Amino acid sequence: MLRRRGLQAIKALLELALAPTVWHSVNDLARAQELPAPMLEQLMLRLRRAELVEARRGRHGGYRLVRPPAAIPLAEILQAVEAAPTTTTALEPEAEADDPREEAAADRVTAALERRLQRALVRELAHISLEDLLYDLHSARALLSEDGGLLLG
């Protein structure tokens, strides 16, 4: 479904969204995600070129979001760091057809299905924002907290 690079970029932007006014260093982000800093730096450069984050040099520099999380769809994040989200081929023909024409027709049908699934995935990712995931993250943390999932303050 989503490639590792895309998932890492989403996680990095979620980290930025948790404290949107703070400049986050690559080393801090890499530590939080348990990733090598050079790998994360490459992702952040792609995200900066896509104008999703801004960078500031210096001792108190780093990265932060350019727009509010609600204005950043997942499709845009993935487009910045990978060619396109892909569907995986889960439907394999169980046996070869006796007639080559029948096999060619089946191949065309499954190829058309792949294209439809790809378009549906891209449409769905365009409707899910970074803020949606931030909400899910807060909810998941609340459920795992010692106080039984209450979000107070």
C-alpha atoms as a PDB file:
ATOM      1  CA  MET A   1       0.000   0.000   0.000  1.00  0.00           C
ATOM      2  CA  LEU A   2       2.175   2.860   1.219  1.00  0.00           C
ATOM      3  CA  ARG A   3       5.912   2.719   0.846  1.00  0.00           C
ATOM      4  CA  ARG A   4       8.261   3.007   3.802  1.00  0.00           C
ATOM      5  CA  ARG A   5       9.481   6.432   2.679  1.00  0.00           C
ATOM      6  CA  GLY A   6       5.932   7.795   2.624  1.00  0.00           C
ATOM      7  CA  LEU A   7       5.141   6.427   6.065  1.00  0.00           C
ATOM      8  CA  GLN A   8       8.347   7.929   7.474  1.00  0.00           C
ATOM      9  CA  ALA A   9       7.503  11.315   5.973  1.00  0.00           C
ATOM     10  CA  ILE A  10       4.018  11.201   7.488  1.00  0.00           C
ATOM     11  CA  LYS A  11       5.477  10.315  10.899  1.00  0.00           C
ATOM     12  CA  ALA A  12       7.985  13.169  10.656  1.00  0.00           C
ATOM     13  CA  LEU A  13       5.252  15.668   9.798  1.00  0.00           C
ATOM     14  CA  LEU A  14       3.107  14.350  12.650  1.00  0.00           C
ATOM     15  CA  GLU A  15       6.022  15.053  14.971  1.00  0.00           C
ATOM     16  CA  LEU A  16       6.190  18.617  13.612  1.00  0.00           C
ATOM     17  CA  ALA A  17       2.417  18.990  13.957  1.00  0.00           C
ATOM     18  CA  LEU A  18       2.570  18.116  17.661  1.00  0.00           C
ATOM     19  CA  ALA A  19       4.465  21.366  18.286  1.00  0.00           C
ATOM     20  CA  PRO A  20       3.880  23.495  15.178  1.00  0.00           C
ATOM     21  CA  THR A  21       5.635  26.660  16.365  1.00  0.00           C
ATOM     22  CA  VAL A  22       8.826  24.893  17.454  1.00  0.00           C
ATOM     23  CA  TRP A  23      11.807  24.376  15.130  1.00  0.00           C
ATOM     24  CA  HIS A  24      12.657  20.651  15.141  1.00  0.00           C
ATOM     25  CA  SER A  25      16.181  19.514  14.309  1.00  0.00           C
ATOM     26  CA  VAL A  26      16.690  16.516  12.067  1.00  0.00           C
ATOM     27  CA  ASN A  27      18.543  14.791  14.898  1.00  0.00           C
ATOM     28  CA  ASP A  28      15.588  15.243  17.269  1.00  0.00           C
ATOM     29  CA  LEU A  29      13.146  14.003  14.633  1.00  0.00           C
ATOM     30  CA  ALA A  30      15.400  11.049  13.782  1.00  0.00           C
ATOM     31  CA  ARG A  31      15.700  10.121  17.457  1.00  0.00           C
ATOM     32  CA  ALA A  32      11.926  10.331  17.943  1.00  0.00           C
ATOM     33  CA  GLN A  33      11.364   8.052  14.954  1.00  0.00           C
ATOM     34  CA  GLU A  34      14.399   5.819  15.478  1.00  0.00           C
ATOM     35  CA  LEU A  35      15.683   6.537  11.971  1.00  0.00           C
ATOM     36  CA  PRO A  36      19.125   7.429  10.673  1.00  0.00           C
ATOM     37  CA  ALA A  37      19.437  11.230  10.492  1.00  0.00           C
ATOM     38  CA  PRO A  38      20.846  11.260   6.908  1.00  0.00           C
ATOM     39  CA  MET A  39      17.819   9.294   5.650  1.00  0.00           C
ATOM     40  CA  LEU A  40      15.416  11.648   7.395  1.00  0.00           C
ATOM     41  CA  GLU A  41      17.336  14.674   6.106  1.00  0.00           C
ATOM     42  CA  GLN A  42      16.706  13.500   2.535  1.00  0.00           C
ATOM     43  CA  LEU A  43      12.976  13.210   3.242  1.00  0.00           C
ATOM     44  CA  MET A  44      12.886  16.650   4.849  1.00  0.00           C
ATOM     45  CA  LEU A  45      14.613  18.171   1.806  1.00  0.00           C
ATOM     46  CA  ARG A  46      11.930  16.691  -0.440  1.00  0.00           C
ATOM     47  CA  LEU A  47       9.210  17.993   1.856  1.00  0.00           C
ATOM     48  CA  ARG A  48      10.823  21.439   1.811  1.00  0.00           C
ATOM     49  CA  ARG A  49      10.963  21.455  -1.996  1.00  0.00           C
ATOM     50  CA  ALA A  50       7.244  20.594  -1.973  1.00  0.00           C
ATOM     51  CA  GLU A  51       6.699  23.592   0.345  1.00  0.00           C
ATOM     52  CA  LEU A  52       5.259  21.467   3.152  1.00  0.00           C
ATOM     53  CA  VAL A  53       7.959  22.452   5.643  1.00  0.00           C
ATOM     54  CA  GLU A  54      10.296  25.379   6.041  1.00  0.00           C
ATOM     55  CA  ALA A  55      13.886  25.193   7.193  1.00  0.00           C
ATOM     56  CA  ARG A  56      16.015  27.478   9.286  1.00  0.00           C
ATOM     57  CA  ARG A  57      19.758  27.136   9.744  1.00  0.00           C
ATOM     58  CA  GLY A  58      21.694  27.628  12.917  1.00  0.00           C
ATOM     59  CA  ARG A  59      21.822  26.478  16.469  1.00  0.00           C
ATOM     60  CA  HIS A  60      18.081  26.995  17.015  1.00  0.00           C
ATOM     61  CA  GLY A  61      17.133  25.989  13.504  1.00  0.00           C
ATOM     62  CA  GLY A  62      15.440  22.984  12.082  1.00  0.00           C
ATOM     63  CA  TYR A  63      12.144  22.345  10.365  1.00  0.00           C
ATOM     64  CA  ARG A  64       8.521  23.242  10.962  1.00  0.00           C
ATOM     65  CA  LEU A  65       5.271  23.043   9.033  1.00  0.00           C
ATOM     66  CA  VAL A  66       4.495  25.793   6.535  1.00  0.00           C
ATOM     67  CA  ARG A  67       0.712  25.340   6.775  1.00  0.00           C
ATOM     68  CA  PRO A  68      -1.665  24.150   9.482  1.00  0.00           C
ATOM     69  CA  PRO A  69      -2.059  20.348   9.629  1.00  0.00           C
ATOM     70  CA  ALA A  70      -5.669  20.636   8.384  1.00  0.00           C
ATOM     71  CA  ALA A  71      -4.370  22.128   5.130  1.00  0.00           C
ATOM     72  CA  ILE A  72      -1.942  19.287   4.380  1.00  0.00           C
ATOM     73  CA  PRO A  73      -3.536  16.260   2.691  1.00  0.00           C
ATOM     74  CA  LEU A  74      -1.709  12.937   2.873  1.00  0.00           C
ATOM     75  CA  ALA A  75      -1.708  12.723  -0.923  1.00  0.00           C
ATOM     76  CA  GLU A  76       0.468  15.841  -1.055  1.00  0.00           C
ATOM     77  CA  ILE A  77       2.942  14.414   1.465  1.00  0.00           C
ATOM     78  CA  LEU A  78       3.241  11.156  -0.430  1.00  0.00           C
ATOM     79  CA  GLN A  79       3.563  12.931  -3.753  1.00  0.00           C
ATOM     80  CA  ALA A  80       6.488  14.902  -2.337  1.00  0.00           C
ATOM     81  CA  VAL A  81       8.494  11.862  -1.266  1.00  0.00           C
ATOM     82  CA  GLU A  82       7.474   9.052  -3.599  1.00  0.00           C
ATOM     83  CA  ALA A  83       6.215   8.677  -7.119  1.00  0.00           C
ATOM     84  CA  ALA A  84       2.697   7.627  -6.121  1.00  0.00           C
ATOM     85  CA  PRO A  85       1.018   5.461  -3.523  1.00  0.00           C
ATOM     86  CA  THR A  86       0.559   2.018  -4.969  1.00  0.00           C
ATOM     87  CA  THR A  87      -1.836  -0.809  -4.583  1.00  0.00           C
ATOM     88  CA  THR A  88      -0.349  -4.246  -4.191  1.00  0.00           C
ATOM     89  CA  THR A  89      -1.478  -7.032  -6.408  1.00  0.00           C
ATOM     90  CA  ALA A  90      -3.326  -9.341  -4.064  1.00  0.00           C
ATOM     91  CA  LEU A  91      -5.415 -11.035  -6.716  1.00  0.00           C
ATOM     92  CA  GLU A  92      -3.365 -13.592  -8.604  1.00  0.00           C
ATOM     93  CA  PRO A  93      -4.916 -16.004 -11.111  1.00  0.00           C
ATOM     94  CA  GLU A  94      -5.054 -19.452  -9.516  1.00  0.00           C
ATOM     95  CA  ALA A  95      -4.476 -21.378 -12.725  1.00  0.00           C
ATOM     96  CA  GLU A  96      -3.587 -20.526 -16.275  1.00  0.00           C
ATOM     97  CA  ALA A  97      -6.443 -20.450 -18.738  1.00  0.00           C
ATOM     98  CA  ASP A  98      -6.534 -22.999 -21.548  1.00  0.00           C
ATOM     99  CA  ASP A  99      -7.350 -20.350 -24.138  1.00  0.00           C
ATOM    100  CA  PRO A 100      -4.727 -17.556 -24.529  1.00  0.00           C
ATOM    101  CA  ARG A 101      -7.511 -15.101 -25.452  1.00  0.00           C
ATOM    102  CA  GLU A 102      -9.271 -15.849 -22.180  1.00  0.00           C
ATOM    103  CA  GLU A 103      -6.021 -15.275 -20.279  1.00  0.00           C
ATOM    104  CA  ALA A 104      -5.451 -11.970 -22.090  1.00  0.00           C
ATOM    105  CA  ALA A 105      -8.997 -10.880 -21.195  1.00  0.00           C
ATOM    106  CA  ALA A 106      -8.423 -11.816 -17.551  1.00  0.00           C
ATOM    107  CA  ASP A 107      -5.151  -9.864 -17.556  1.00  0.00           C
ATOM    108  CA  ARG A 108      -6.944  -6.806 -18.900  1.00  0.00           C
ATOM    109  CA  VAL A 109      -9.657  -7.076 -16.265  1.00  0.00           C
ATOM    110  CA  THR A 110      -7.133  -7.361 -13.412  1.00  0.00           C
ATOM    111  CA  ALA A 111      -5.086  -4.473 -14.846  1.00  0.00           C
ATOM    112  CA  ALA A 112      -8.247  -2.362 -14.978  1.00  0.00           C
ATOM    113  CA  LEU A 113      -8.995  -3.347 -11.382  1.00  0.00           C
ATOM    114  CA  GLU A 114      -5.485  -2.229 -10.347  1.00  0.00           C
ATOM    115  CA  ARG A 115      -6.045   1.161 -12.003  1.00  0.00           C
ATOM    116  CA  ARG A 116      -9.426   1.589 -10.281  1.00  0.00           C
ATOM    117  CA  LEU A 117      -7.933   0.718  -6.895  1.00  0.00           C
ATOM    118  CA  GLN A 118      -5.064   3.145  -7.517  1.00  0.00           C
ATOM    119  CA  ARG A 119      -7.454   5.995  -8.346  1.00  0.00           C
ATOM    120  CA  ALA A 120      -9.592   5.214  -5.274  1.00  0.00           C
ATOM    121  CA  LEU A 121      -6.511   5.232  -3.041  1.00  0.00           C
ATOM    122  CA  VAL A 122      -5.335   8.590  -4.414  1.00  0.00           C
ATOM    123  CA  ARG A 123      -8.837  10.081  -3.955  1.00  0.00           C
ATOM    124  CA  GLU A 124      -9.025   8.849  -0.358  1.00  0.00           C
ATOM    125  CA  LEU A 125      -5.557  10.166   0.489  1.00  0.00           C
ATOM    126  CA  ALA A 126      -6.562  13.575  -0.860  1.00  0.00           C
ATOM    127  CA  HIS A 127      -9.378  13.690   1.729  1.00  0.00           C
ATOM    128  CA  ILE A 128      -7.321  12.682   4.761  1.00  0.00           C
ATOM    129  CA  SER A 129      -5.337  15.527   6.287  1.00  0.00           C
ATOM    130  CA  LEU A 130      -2.390  15.563   8.618  1.00  0.00           C
ATOM    131  CA  GLU A 131      -4.799  16.967  11.226  1.00  0.00           C
ATOM    132  CA  ASP A 132      -6.964  13.843  10.913  1.00  0.00           C
ATOM    133  CA  LEU A 133      -3.938  11.718  11.772  1.00  0.00           C
ATOM    134  CA  LEU A 134      -2.986  14.090  14.572  1.00  0.00           C
ATOM    135  CA  TYR A 135      -6.437  13.583  16.075  1.00  0.00           C
ATOM    136  CA  ASP A 136      -6.009   9.803  15.736  1.00  0.00           C
ATOM    137  CA  LEU A 137      -2.588  10.054  17.399  1.00  0.00           C
ATOM    138  CA  HIS A 138      -4.005  11.989  20.360  1.00  0.00           C
ATOM    139  CA  SER A 139      -6.842   9.452  20.647  1.00  0.00           C
ATOM    140  CA  ALA A 140      -4.448   6.497  20.554  1.00  0.00           C
ATOM    141  CA  ARG A 141      -2.216   8.077  23.199  1.00  0.00           C
ATOM    142  CA  ALA A 142      -5.244   8.742  25.395  1.00  0.00           C
ATOM    143  CA  LEU A 143      -6.373   5.138  25.141  1.00  0.00           C
ATOM    144  CA  LEU A 144      -2.911   3.952  26.159  1.00  0.00           C
ATOM    145  CA  SER A 145      -2.578   6.387  29.053  1.00  0.00           C
ATOM    146  CA  GLU A 146      -2.751   5.370  32.680  1.00  0.00           C
ATOM    147  CA  ASP A 147      -5.961   7.306  33.317  1.00  0.00           C
ATOM    148  CA  GLY A 148      -7.935   5.064  30.981  1.00  0.00           C
ATOM    149  CA  GLY A 149      -8.272   7.247  27.934  1.00  0.00           C
ATOM    150  CA  LEU A 150      -9.675  10.474  29.300  1.00  0.00           C
ATOM    151  CA  LEU A 151      -8.545  13.571  27.479  1.00  0.00           C
ATOM    152  CA  LEU A 152      -8.549  16.303  30.102  1.00  0.00           C
ATOM    153  CA  GLY A 153      -7.006  19.637  29.234  1.00  0.00           C
END
